[in-house]
Amino acid sequence: MTRNNDSQEIDRKEQAMQSTSTSSPRAQGEVQRLLERLVATGQETGIQVAADLDGKRVVDAWAGVADPESGRPIDGDTLINVWSADKAVAATTVHALVERGVLEYDAPLARYWPEYGANGKERTTVAHVLTHSAGVPQLPPDVTPEEVCDIAAMAGWIARQARCYISVSWSTK
């Protein structure tokens, strides 16, 4: 990086920090420094963290690039694909629905989603889905970002798939 580029990067970071309103400057600063260190060491290319506490934003930090090819920097409005983060939310929701008697862990998923019960998946249970043992682990190989965002299209694709593997479970009963 040239001296001019270094100055531009510092200016961009200062502007980002100034435009970010958080209720905890200490937490904001610590997280910002961590993200910058992760990018500097190559552990991350581009990263964002936002955290709310009691309804107030306490951290809104980012570092790195959104697109390594163009060098476009990441910012607070950059959309980032988040794999797996929704699993905890989905599992918590399912557990709450089981607790309320709306779902049953050992019920076939097709009881709640009839279309899913095709191509050998009719015995897949809610528990199989929660434990990643339903046998349908992948998306279409040529899926586009637009298709991933089309819930009906993705649900239809999953429902039509055959199982890739059969789950084995052990019981002590």
N, C-alpha and C. Protein backbone atom coordinates (compact mmCIF):
# COMPACT_ATOMS: atom_id res chain seq x y z
N MET A 1 0.84 -1.17 0.00
CA MET A 1 0.00 0.00 0.00
C MET A 1 0.89 1.25 0.00
N THR A 2 0.58 2.20 -0.83
CA THR A 2 1.35 3.45 -0.85
C THR A 2 0.90 4.32 0.30
N ARG A 3 1.68 5.36 0.56
CA ARG A 3 1.33 6.29 1.63
C ARG A 3 -0.05 6.88 1.39
N ASN A 4 -0.36 7.22 0.12
CA ASN A 4 -1.67 7.79 -0.22
C ASN A 4 -2.78 6.79 0.07
N ASN A 5 -2.59 5.52 -0.32
CA ASN A 5 -3.59 4.50 -0.04
C ASN A 5 -3.76 4.27 1.46
N ASP A 6 -2.64 4.33 2.21
CA ASP A 6 -2.72 4.19 3.66
C ASP A 6 -3.58 5.30 4.25
N SER A 7 -3.37 6.52 3.78
CA SER A 7 -4.16 7.66 4.28
C SER A 7 -5.63 7.50 3.94
N GLN A 8 -5.91 7.03 2.73
CA GLN A 8 -7.30 6.82 2.33
C GLN A 8 -7.95 5.75 3.20
N GLU A 9 -7.22 4.69 3.50
CA GLU A 9 -7.76 3.62 4.34
C GLU A 9 -8.04 4.13 5.75
N ILE A 10 -7.12 4.91 6.30
CA ILE A 10 -7.33 5.48 7.64
C ILE A 10 -8.54 6.40 7.63
N ASP A 11 -8.64 7.26 6.60
CA ASP A 11 -9.79 8.16 6.49
C ASP A 11 -11.09 7.38 6.43
N ARG A 12 -11.12 6.30 5.62
CA ARG A 12 -12.33 5.49 5.48
C ARG A 12 -12.72 4.88 6.82
N LYS A 13 -11.74 4.36 7.56
CA LYS A 13 -12.02 3.75 8.86
C LYS A 13 -12.52 4.79 9.85
N GLU A 14 -11.92 5.98 9.83
CA GLU A 14 -12.37 7.03 10.74
C GLU A 14 -13.80 7.46 10.41
N GLN A 15 -14.11 7.56 9.12
CA GLN A 15 -15.47 7.92 8.72
C GLN A 15 -16.45 6.84 9.15
N ALA A 16 -16.05 5.59 9.00
CA ALA A 16 -16.93 4.48 9.40
C ALA A 16 -17.19 4.54 10.90
N MET A 17 -16.15 4.78 11.67
CA MET A 17 -16.32 4.85 13.12
C MET A 17 -17.20 6.03 13.50
N GLN A 18 -17.02 7.17 12.82
CA GLN A 18 -17.82 8.35 13.15
C GLN A 18 -19.27 8.17 12.76
N SER A 19 -19.52 7.45 11.67
CA SER A 19 -20.90 7.31 11.21
C SER A 19 -21.63 6.18 11.94
N THR A 20 -20.91 5.44 12.75
CA THR A 20 -21.51 4.34 13.48
C THR A 20 -21.85 4.80 14.88
N SER A 21 -23.12 4.79 15.18
CA SER A 21 -23.57 5.24 16.49
C SER A 21 -23.83 4.01 17.36
N THR A 22 -23.01 3.85 18.39
CA THR A 22 -23.21 2.74 19.31
C THR A 22 -23.27 3.27 20.72
N SER A 23 -23.87 2.50 21.58
CA SER A 23 -24.00 2.92 22.98
C SER A 23 -22.82 2.48 23.83
N SER A 24 -21.85 1.79 23.21
CA SER A 24 -20.69 1.33 23.97
C SER A 24 -19.41 1.57 23.16
N PRO A 25 -18.84 2.77 23.25
CA PRO A 25 -17.62 3.05 22.49
C PRO A 25 -16.47 2.09 22.81
N ARG A 26 -16.39 1.64 24.05
CA ARG A 26 -15.31 0.70 24.41
C ARG A 26 -15.47 -0.63 23.68
N ALA A 27 -16.69 -1.19 23.72
CA ALA A 27 -16.94 -2.45 23.01
C ALA A 27 -16.74 -2.26 21.51
N GLN A 28 -17.24 -1.15 20.99
CA GLN A 28 -17.08 -0.86 19.56
C GLN A 28 -15.60 -0.86 19.18
N GLY A 29 -14.79 -0.16 19.96
CA GLY A 29 -13.36 -0.07 19.66
C GLY A 29 -12.65 -1.41 19.75
N GLU A 30 -12.97 -2.18 20.78
CA GLU A 30 -12.33 -3.49 20.94
C GLU A 30 -12.68 -4.43 19.78
N VAL A 31 -13.95 -4.47 19.41
CA VAL A 31 -14.37 -5.34 18.32
C VAL A 31 -13.77 -4.86 17.00
N GLN A 32 -13.76 -3.54 16.77
CA GLN A 32 -13.18 -3.00 15.54
C GLN A 32 -11.71 -3.40 15.41
N ARG A 33 -10.95 -3.27 16.50
CA ARG A 33 -9.53 -3.65 16.47
C ARG A 33 -9.37 -5.15 16.20
N LEU A 34 -10.24 -5.98 16.79
CA LEU A 34 -10.18 -7.42 16.55
C LEU A 34 -10.44 -7.73 15.08
N LEU A 35 -11.47 -7.12 14.51
CA LEU A 35 -11.79 -7.38 13.10
C LEU A 35 -10.64 -6.95 12.20
N GLU A 36 -10.06 -5.81 12.47
CA GLU A 36 -8.94 -5.34 11.66
C GLU A 36 -7.75 -6.28 11.77
N ARG A 37 -7.52 -6.83 12.96
CA ARG A 37 -6.43 -7.79 13.16
C ARG A 37 -6.71 -9.08 12.38
N LEU A 38 -7.96 -9.55 12.40
CA LEU A 38 -8.32 -10.77 11.66
C LEU A 38 -8.10 -10.59 10.17
N VAL A 39 -8.42 -9.41 9.65
CA VAL A 39 -8.20 -9.13 8.23
C VAL A 39 -6.70 -9.02 7.95
N ALA A 40 -5.98 -8.30 8.80
CA ALA A 40 -4.54 -8.10 8.60
C ALA A 40 -3.77 -9.42 8.61
N THR A 41 -4.21 -10.38 9.41
CA THR A 41 -3.50 -11.66 9.49
C THR A 41 -3.96 -12.65 8.42
N GLY A 42 -4.97 -12.25 7.62
CA GLY A 42 -5.46 -13.12 6.56
C GLY A 42 -6.48 -14.14 7.02
N GLN A 43 -6.89 -14.10 8.28
CA GLN A 43 -7.89 -15.05 8.76
C GLN A 43 -9.28 -14.73 8.20
N GLU A 44 -9.50 -13.48 7.87
CA GLU A 44 -10.74 -13.04 7.26
C GLU A 44 -10.42 -12.13 6.09
N THR A 45 -11.29 -12.13 5.10
CA THR A 45 -11.15 -11.22 3.96
C THR A 45 -12.00 -9.99 4.20
N GLY A 46 -13.23 -10.21 4.61
CA GLY A 46 -14.16 -9.15 4.95
C GLY A 46 -15.07 -9.66 6.05
N ILE A 47 -15.35 -8.83 7.04
CA ILE A 47 -16.10 -9.31 8.19
C ILE A 47 -16.90 -8.17 8.80
N GLN A 48 -18.07 -8.49 9.32
CA GLN A 48 -18.93 -7.53 10.01
C GLN A 48 -19.39 -8.13 11.33
N VAL A 49 -19.59 -7.28 12.32
CA VAL A 49 -20.20 -7.70 13.57
C VAL A 49 -21.15 -6.60 14.02
N ALA A 50 -22.37 -6.98 14.33
CA ALA A 50 -23.33 -6.06 14.92
C ALA A 50 -23.91 -6.76 16.14
N ALA A 51 -24.02 -6.03 17.24
CA ALA A 51 -24.56 -6.62 18.46
C ALA A 51 -25.45 -5.60 19.14
N ASP A 52 -26.61 -6.06 19.56
CA ASP A 52 -27.56 -5.23 20.30
C ASP A 52 -27.69 -5.78 21.72
N LEU A 53 -27.87 -4.89 22.66
CA LEU A 53 -28.10 -5.27 24.04
C LEU A 53 -29.21 -4.39 24.57
N ASP A 54 -30.25 -5.02 25.07
CA ASP A 54 -31.41 -4.29 25.61
C ASP A 54 -31.96 -3.27 24.61
N GLY A 55 -32.00 -3.67 23.35
CA GLY A 55 -32.58 -2.83 22.32
C GLY A 55 -31.67 -1.72 21.80
N LYS A 56 -30.44 -1.69 22.26
CA LYS A 56 -29.51 -0.65 21.81
C LYS A 56 -28.32 -1.29 21.10
N ARG A 57 -27.91 -0.70 20.00
CA ARG A 57 -26.74 -1.19 19.26
C ARG A 57 -25.49 -0.86 20.06
N VAL A 58 -24.75 -1.88 20.45
CA VAL A 58 -23.52 -1.68 21.21
C VAL A 58 -22.28 -1.86 20.35
N VAL A 59 -22.41 -2.61 19.25
CA VAL A 59 -21.29 -2.80 18.33
C VAL A 59 -21.84 -2.81 16.91
N ASP A 60 -21.17 -2.08 16.04
CA ASP A 60 -21.49 -2.09 14.61
C ASP A 60 -20.17 -1.86 13.89
N ALA A 61 -19.42 -2.94 13.68
CA ALA A 61 -18.05 -2.84 13.18
C ALA A 61 -17.87 -3.69 11.93
N TRP A 62 -16.90 -3.30 11.10
CA TRP A 62 -16.57 -4.06 9.90
C TRP A 62 -15.14 -3.78 9.51
N ALA A 63 -14.58 -4.68 8.73
CA ALA A 63 -13.21 -4.51 8.24
C ALA A 63 -13.03 -5.37 6.98
N GLY A 64 -12.09 -5.00 6.14
CA GLY A 64 -11.74 -5.79 4.98
C GLY A 64 -12.50 -5.40 3.73
N VAL A 65 -12.53 -6.33 2.80
CA VAL A 65 -13.16 -6.07 1.51
C VAL A 65 -14.36 -6.99 1.30
N ALA A 66 -15.34 -6.45 0.60
CA ALA A 66 -16.54 -7.22 0.25
C ALA A 66 -16.27 -8.06 -0.98
N ASP A 67 -15.42 -7.55 -1.87
CA ASP A 67 -15.11 -8.23 -3.13
C ASP A 67 -13.61 -8.17 -3.36
N PRO A 68 -12.91 -9.28 -3.10
CA PRO A 68 -11.45 -9.28 -3.27
C PRO A 68 -10.99 -8.94 -4.69
N GLU A 69 -11.79 -9.31 -5.69
CA GLU A 69 -11.39 -9.04 -7.08
C GLU A 69 -11.37 -7.55 -7.39
N SER A 70 -12.40 -6.84 -6.96
CA SER A 70 -12.47 -5.41 -7.26
C SER A 70 -11.84 -4.56 -6.17
N GLY A 71 -11.67 -5.14 -4.97
CA GLY A 71 -11.14 -4.38 -3.85
C GLY A 71 -12.19 -3.52 -3.16
N ARG A 72 -13.47 -3.70 -3.55
CA ARG A 72 -14.55 -2.91 -2.94
C ARG A 72 -14.57 -3.17 -1.44
N PRO A 73 -14.44 -2.11 -0.64
CA PRO A 73 -14.40 -2.32 0.81
C PRO A 73 -15.77 -2.72 1.36
N ILE A 74 -15.72 -3.43 2.44
CA ILE A 74 -16.94 -3.79 3.14
C ILE A 74 -17.40 -2.58 3.95
N ASP A 75 -18.68 -2.46 4.16
CA ASP A 75 -19.18 -1.41 5.05
C ASP A 75 -20.38 -1.94 5.80
N GLY A 76 -20.99 -1.13 6.60
CA GLY A 76 -22.09 -1.56 7.44
C GLY A 76 -23.33 -1.98 6.68
N ASP A 77 -23.42 -1.61 5.41
CA ASP A 77 -24.58 -1.99 4.60
C ASP A 77 -24.30 -3.14 3.65
N THR A 78 -23.08 -3.69 3.69
CA THR A 78 -22.74 -4.80 2.81
C THR A 78 -23.49 -6.06 3.25
N LEU A 79 -24.17 -6.69 2.31
CA LEU A 79 -24.84 -7.95 2.61
C LEU A 79 -23.82 -9.08 2.61
N ILE A 80 -23.86 -9.90 3.64
CA ILE A 80 -22.92 -11.01 3.77
C ILE A 80 -23.72 -12.29 3.95
N ASN A 81 -23.33 -13.30 3.22
CA ASN A 81 -23.98 -14.60 3.35
C ASN A 81 -23.57 -15.21 4.69
N VAL A 82 -24.51 -15.61 5.48
CA VAL A 82 -24.24 -16.17 6.79
C VAL A 82 -24.72 -17.61 6.79
N TRP A 83 -23.81 -18.55 6.69
CA TRP A 83 -24.17 -19.96 6.74
C TRP A 83 -24.28 -20.38 8.19
N SER A 84 -25.14 -21.24 8.51
CA SER A 84 -25.24 -21.89 9.84
C SER A 84 -25.72 -21.02 10.98
N ALA A 85 -25.70 -19.71 10.87
CA ALA A 85 -26.14 -18.88 11.99
C ALA A 85 -27.62 -19.08 12.28
N ASP A 86 -28.37 -19.43 11.26
CA ASP A 86 -29.81 -19.61 11.45
C ASP A 86 -30.15 -20.93 12.12
N LYS A 87 -29.20 -21.84 12.22
CA LYS A 87 -29.49 -23.15 12.81
C LYS A 87 -29.94 -23.03 14.27
N ALA A 88 -29.28 -22.18 15.02
CA ALA A 88 -29.64 -22.01 16.44
C ALA A 88 -31.03 -21.41 16.57
N VAL A 89 -31.35 -20.44 15.72
CA VAL A 89 -32.67 -19.82 15.76
C VAL A 89 -33.74 -20.85 15.35
N ALA A 90 -33.47 -21.59 14.29
CA ALA A 90 -34.43 -22.60 13.84
C ALA A 90 -34.63 -23.68 14.90
N ALA A 91 -33.53 -24.16 15.49
CA ALA A 91 -33.64 -25.20 16.52
C ALA A 91 -34.42 -24.69 17.74
N THR A 92 -34.15 -23.47 18.15
CA THR A 92 -34.87 -22.90 19.28
C THR A 92 -36.36 -22.80 18.97
N THR A 93 -36.68 -22.38 17.75
CA THR A 93 -38.08 -22.28 17.34
C THR A 93 -38.75 -23.65 17.37
N VAL A 94 -38.07 -24.66 16.84
CA VAL A 94 -38.63 -26.01 16.84
C VAL A 94 -38.82 -26.50 18.27
N HIS A 95 -37.84 -26.29 19.12
CA HIS A 95 -37.97 -26.73 20.53
C HIS A 95 -39.16 -26.05 21.20
N ALA A 96 -39.35 -24.76 20.93
CA ALA A 96 -40.51 -24.05 21.51
C ALA A 96 -41.82 -24.62 20.98
N LEU A 97 -41.86 -24.97 19.69
CA LEU A 97 -43.07 -25.55 19.11
C LEU A 97 -43.35 -26.94 19.66
N VAL A 98 -42.29 -27.71 19.92
CA VAL A 98 -42.47 -29.03 20.55
C VAL A 98 -42.99 -28.85 21.97
N GLU A 99 -42.41 -27.92 22.69
CA GLU A 99 -42.84 -27.66 24.07
C GLU A 99 -44.31 -27.26 24.13
N ARG A 100 -44.78 -26.56 23.11
CA ARG A 100 -46.19 -26.11 23.06
C ARG A 100 -47.12 -27.15 22.46
N GLY A 101 -46.56 -28.29 22.05
CA GLY A 101 -47.38 -29.36 21.50
C GLY A 101 -47.75 -29.20 20.04
N VAL A 102 -47.12 -28.27 19.34
CA VAL A 102 -47.42 -28.03 17.93
C VAL A 102 -46.67 -29.02 17.04
N LEU A 103 -45.44 -29.36 17.40
CA LEU A 103 -44.62 -30.33 16.67
C LEU A 103 -44.22 -31.46 17.61
N GLU A 104 -43.83 -32.59 17.02
CA GLU A 104 -43.27 -33.72 17.77
C GLU A 104 -41.95 -34.11 17.13
N TYR A 105 -40.93 -34.33 17.94
CA TYR A 105 -39.61 -34.70 17.42
C TYR A 105 -39.67 -35.98 16.58
N ASP A 106 -40.42 -36.97 17.04
CA ASP A 106 -40.44 -38.27 16.36
C ASP A 106 -41.49 -38.37 15.25
N ALA A 107 -42.17 -37.28 14.97
CA ALA A 107 -43.18 -37.29 13.89
C ALA A 107 -42.49 -37.17 12.54
N PRO A 108 -43.05 -37.82 11.54
CA PRO A 108 -42.49 -37.64 10.19
C PRO A 108 -42.64 -36.18 9.77
N LEU A 109 -41.61 -35.66 9.15
CA LEU A 109 -41.65 -34.28 8.68
C LEU A 109 -42.80 -34.08 7.69
N ALA A 110 -43.13 -35.13 6.95
CA ALA A 110 -44.22 -35.05 5.97
C ALA A 110 -45.58 -34.77 6.62
N ARG A 111 -45.71 -35.01 7.91
CA ARG A 111 -46.95 -34.66 8.60
C ARG A 111 -47.16 -33.14 8.54
N TYR A 112 -46.08 -32.40 8.61
CA TYR A 112 -46.14 -30.93 8.62
C TYR A 112 -45.86 -30.33 7.24
N TRP A 113 -45.15 -31.07 6.42
CA TRP A 113 -44.76 -30.62 5.08
C TRP A 113 -44.97 -31.80 4.13
N PRO A 114 -46.20 -32.04 3.70
CA PRO A 114 -46.52 -33.23 2.91
C PRO A 114 -45.65 -33.42 1.67
N GLU A 115 -45.31 -32.34 0.99
CA GLU A 115 -44.50 -32.46 -0.23
C GLU A 115 -43.13 -33.07 0.04
N TYR A 116 -42.62 -32.91 1.24
CA TYR A 116 -41.30 -33.43 1.59
C TYR A 116 -41.26 -34.96 1.57
N GLY A 117 -42.37 -35.60 1.80
CA GLY A 117 -42.41 -37.05 1.94
C GLY A 117 -42.28 -37.81 0.64
N ALA A 118 -41.59 -37.28 -0.35
CA ALA A 118 -41.40 -37.95 -1.64
C ALA A 118 -40.00 -38.55 -1.75
N ASN A 119 -39.86 -39.49 -2.67
CA ASN A 119 -38.55 -40.05 -3.02
C ASN A 119 -37.78 -40.64 -1.85
N GLY A 120 -38.49 -41.41 -1.02
CA GLY A 120 -37.82 -42.12 0.07
C GLY A 120 -37.64 -41.33 1.34
N LYS A 121 -38.23 -40.15 1.42
CA LYS A 121 -38.06 -39.33 2.60
C LYS A 121 -39.27 -39.36 3.54
N GLU A 122 -40.23 -40.22 3.26
CA GLU A 122 -41.46 -40.22 4.04
C GLU A 122 -41.27 -40.57 5.52
N ARG A 123 -40.18 -41.23 5.87
CA ARG A 123 -39.94 -41.60 7.27
C ARG A 123 -38.99 -40.64 7.98
N THR A 124 -38.53 -39.61 7.29
CA THR A 124 -37.66 -38.62 7.91
C THR A 124 -38.44 -37.89 9.00
N THR A 125 -37.86 -37.80 10.17
CA THR A 125 -38.55 -37.16 11.30
C THR A 125 -38.02 -35.73 11.52
N VAL A 126 -38.75 -35.01 12.35
CA VAL A 126 -38.30 -33.68 12.77
C VAL A 126 -36.93 -33.81 13.44
N ALA A 127 -36.75 -34.84 14.25
CA ALA A 127 -35.46 -35.06 14.92
C ALA A 127 -34.34 -35.28 13.91
N HIS A 128 -34.61 -36.00 12.82
CA HIS A 128 -33.58 -36.17 11.79
C HIS A 128 -33.12 -34.83 11.24
N VAL A 129 -34.06 -33.95 10.99
CA VAL A 129 -33.72 -32.64 10.45
C VAL A 129 -32.88 -31.86 11.47
N LEU A 130 -33.28 -31.89 12.73
CA LEU A 130 -32.53 -31.15 13.76
C LEU A 130 -31.12 -31.68 13.96
N THR A 131 -30.92 -32.96 13.71
CA THR A 131 -29.60 -33.56 13.92
C THR A 131 -28.82 -33.73 12.61
N HIS A 132 -29.27 -33.06 11.57
CA HIS A 132 -28.59 -33.09 10.27
C HIS A 132 -28.44 -34.51 9.73
N SER A 133 -29.44 -35.33 9.97
CA SER A 133 -29.38 -36.70 9.48
C SER A 133 -30.58 -37.04 8.60
N ALA A 134 -31.14 -36.02 7.95
CA ALA A 134 -32.29 -36.23 7.06
C ALA A 134 -31.86 -36.78 5.72
N GLY A 135 -30.59 -36.66 5.37
CA GLY A 135 -30.09 -37.21 4.12
C GLY A 135 -30.24 -36.30 2.92
N VAL A 136 -30.53 -35.04 3.13
CA VAL A 136 -30.64 -34.06 2.04
C VAL A 136 -29.74 -32.87 2.40
N PRO A 137 -28.41 -33.05 2.24
CA PRO A 137 -27.49 -32.05 2.78
C PRO A 137 -27.08 -30.92 1.85
N GLN A 138 -27.52 -30.90 0.62
CA GLN A 138 -26.94 -29.95 -0.32
C GLN A 138 -27.99 -29.15 -1.08
N LEU A 139 -27.51 -28.07 -1.68
CA LEU A 139 -28.32 -27.27 -2.59
C LEU A 139 -28.00 -27.71 -4.01
N PRO A 140 -28.81 -27.30 -4.97
CA PRO A 140 -28.49 -27.64 -6.36
C PRO A 140 -27.10 -27.11 -6.73
N PRO A 141 -26.35 -27.85 -7.52
CA PRO A 141 -24.98 -27.42 -7.84
C PRO A 141 -24.93 -26.11 -8.63
N ASP A 142 -25.96 -25.80 -9.38
CA ASP A 142 -25.94 -24.59 -10.21
C ASP A 142 -26.88 -23.50 -9.69
N VAL A 143 -27.19 -23.55 -8.40
CA VAL A 143 -28.13 -22.59 -7.81
C VAL A 143 -27.56 -21.17 -7.89
N THR A 144 -28.42 -20.23 -8.15
CA THR A 144 -28.03 -18.82 -8.20
C THR A 144 -28.42 -18.14 -6.90
N PRO A 145 -27.81 -16.99 -6.60
CA PRO A 145 -28.22 -16.26 -5.39
C PRO A 145 -29.71 -15.92 -5.40
N GLU A 146 -30.24 -15.60 -6.55
CA GLU A 146 -31.67 -15.27 -6.64
C GLU A 146 -32.53 -16.49 -6.27
N GLU A 147 -32.11 -17.67 -6.72
CA GLU A 147 -32.87 -18.89 -6.41
C GLU A 147 -32.80 -19.23 -4.92
N VAL A 148 -31.64 -19.02 -4.31
CA VAL A 148 -31.50 -19.29 -2.88
C VAL A 148 -32.47 -18.42 -2.07
N CYS A 149 -32.71 -17.22 -2.55
CA CYS A 149 -33.61 -16.29 -1.86
C CYS A 149 -35.08 -16.56 -2.15
N ASP A 150 -35.36 -17.47 -3.06
CA ASP A 150 -36.75 -17.81 -3.41
C ASP A 150 -37.18 -18.99 -2.55
N ILE A 151 -37.84 -18.71 -1.45
CA ILE A 151 -38.18 -19.74 -0.48
C ILE A 151 -39.02 -20.85 -1.09
N ALA A 152 -40.01 -20.50 -1.90
CA ALA A 152 -40.87 -21.52 -2.51
C ALA A 152 -40.07 -22.41 -3.45
N ALA A 153 -39.18 -21.83 -4.22
CA ALA A 153 -38.36 -22.63 -5.15
C ALA A 153 -37.43 -23.58 -4.39
N MET A 154 -36.80 -23.09 -3.33
CA MET A 154 -35.89 -23.94 -2.55
C MET A 154 -36.66 -25.05 -1.84
N ALA A 155 -37.83 -24.73 -1.27
CA ALA A 155 -38.64 -25.74 -0.60
C ALA A 155 -39.07 -26.81 -1.60
N GLY A 156 -39.46 -26.39 -2.79
CA GLY A 156 -39.85 -27.35 -3.82
C GLY A 156 -38.69 -28.24 -4.23
N TRP A 157 -37.52 -27.64 -4.38
CA TRP A 157 -36.34 -28.43 -4.79
C TRP A 157 -36.01 -29.46 -3.71
N ILE A 158 -36.00 -29.04 -2.44
CA ILE A 158 -35.69 -29.97 -1.34
C ILE A 158 -36.73 -31.08 -1.29
N ALA A 159 -37.99 -30.73 -1.44
CA ALA A 159 -39.06 -31.73 -1.38
C ALA A 159 -38.92 -32.79 -2.47
N ARG A 160 -38.44 -32.39 -3.63
CA ARG A 160 -38.31 -33.34 -4.75
C ARG A 160 -37.08 -34.24 -4.66
N GLN A 161 -36.12 -33.93 -3.79
CA GLN A 161 -34.87 -34.68 -3.74
C GLN A 161 -35.04 -36.05 -3.10
N ALA A 162 -34.23 -36.97 -3.57
CA ALA A 162 -34.12 -38.27 -2.91
C ALA A 162 -33.04 -38.14 -1.84
N ARG A 163 -33.09 -38.99 -0.84
CA ARG A 163 -32.06 -38.97 0.20
C ARG A 163 -30.72 -39.36 -0.38
N CYS A 164 -29.68 -38.69 0.06
CA CYS A 164 -28.32 -39.02 -0.36
C CYS A 164 -27.73 -40.13 0.48
N TYR A 165 -28.23 -40.27 1.69
CA TYR A 165 -27.75 -41.31 2.60
C TYR A 165 -28.87 -41.65 3.56
N ILE A 166 -28.74 -42.76 4.21
CA ILE A 166 -29.75 -43.20 5.18
C ILE A 166 -29.13 -43.06 6.56
N SER A 167 -29.86 -42.43 7.44
CA SER A 167 -29.37 -42.23 8.80
C SER A 167 -29.46 -43.52 9.60
N VAL A 168 -28.49 -43.69 10.47
CA VAL A 168 -28.49 -44.83 11.38
C VAL A 168 -28.54 -44.25 12.79
N SER A 169 -29.44 -44.74 13.58
CA SER A 169 -29.49 -44.29 14.96
C SER A 169 -29.43 -45.50 15.87
N TRP A 170 -28.83 -45.31 17.00
CA TRP A 170 -28.67 -46.38 17.98
C TRP A 170 -29.59 -46.08 19.15
N SER A 171 -30.19 -47.08 19.65
CA SER A 171 -31.09 -46.91 20.78
C SER A 171 -30.67 -47.82 21.92
N THR A 172 -30.86 -47.32 23.12
CA THR A 172 -30.56 -48.14 24.30
C THR A 172 -31.81 -48.79 24.83
N LYS A 173 -32.94 -48.60 24.13
CA LYS A 173 -34.23 -49.17 24.57
C LYS A 173 -34.30 -50.63 24.24
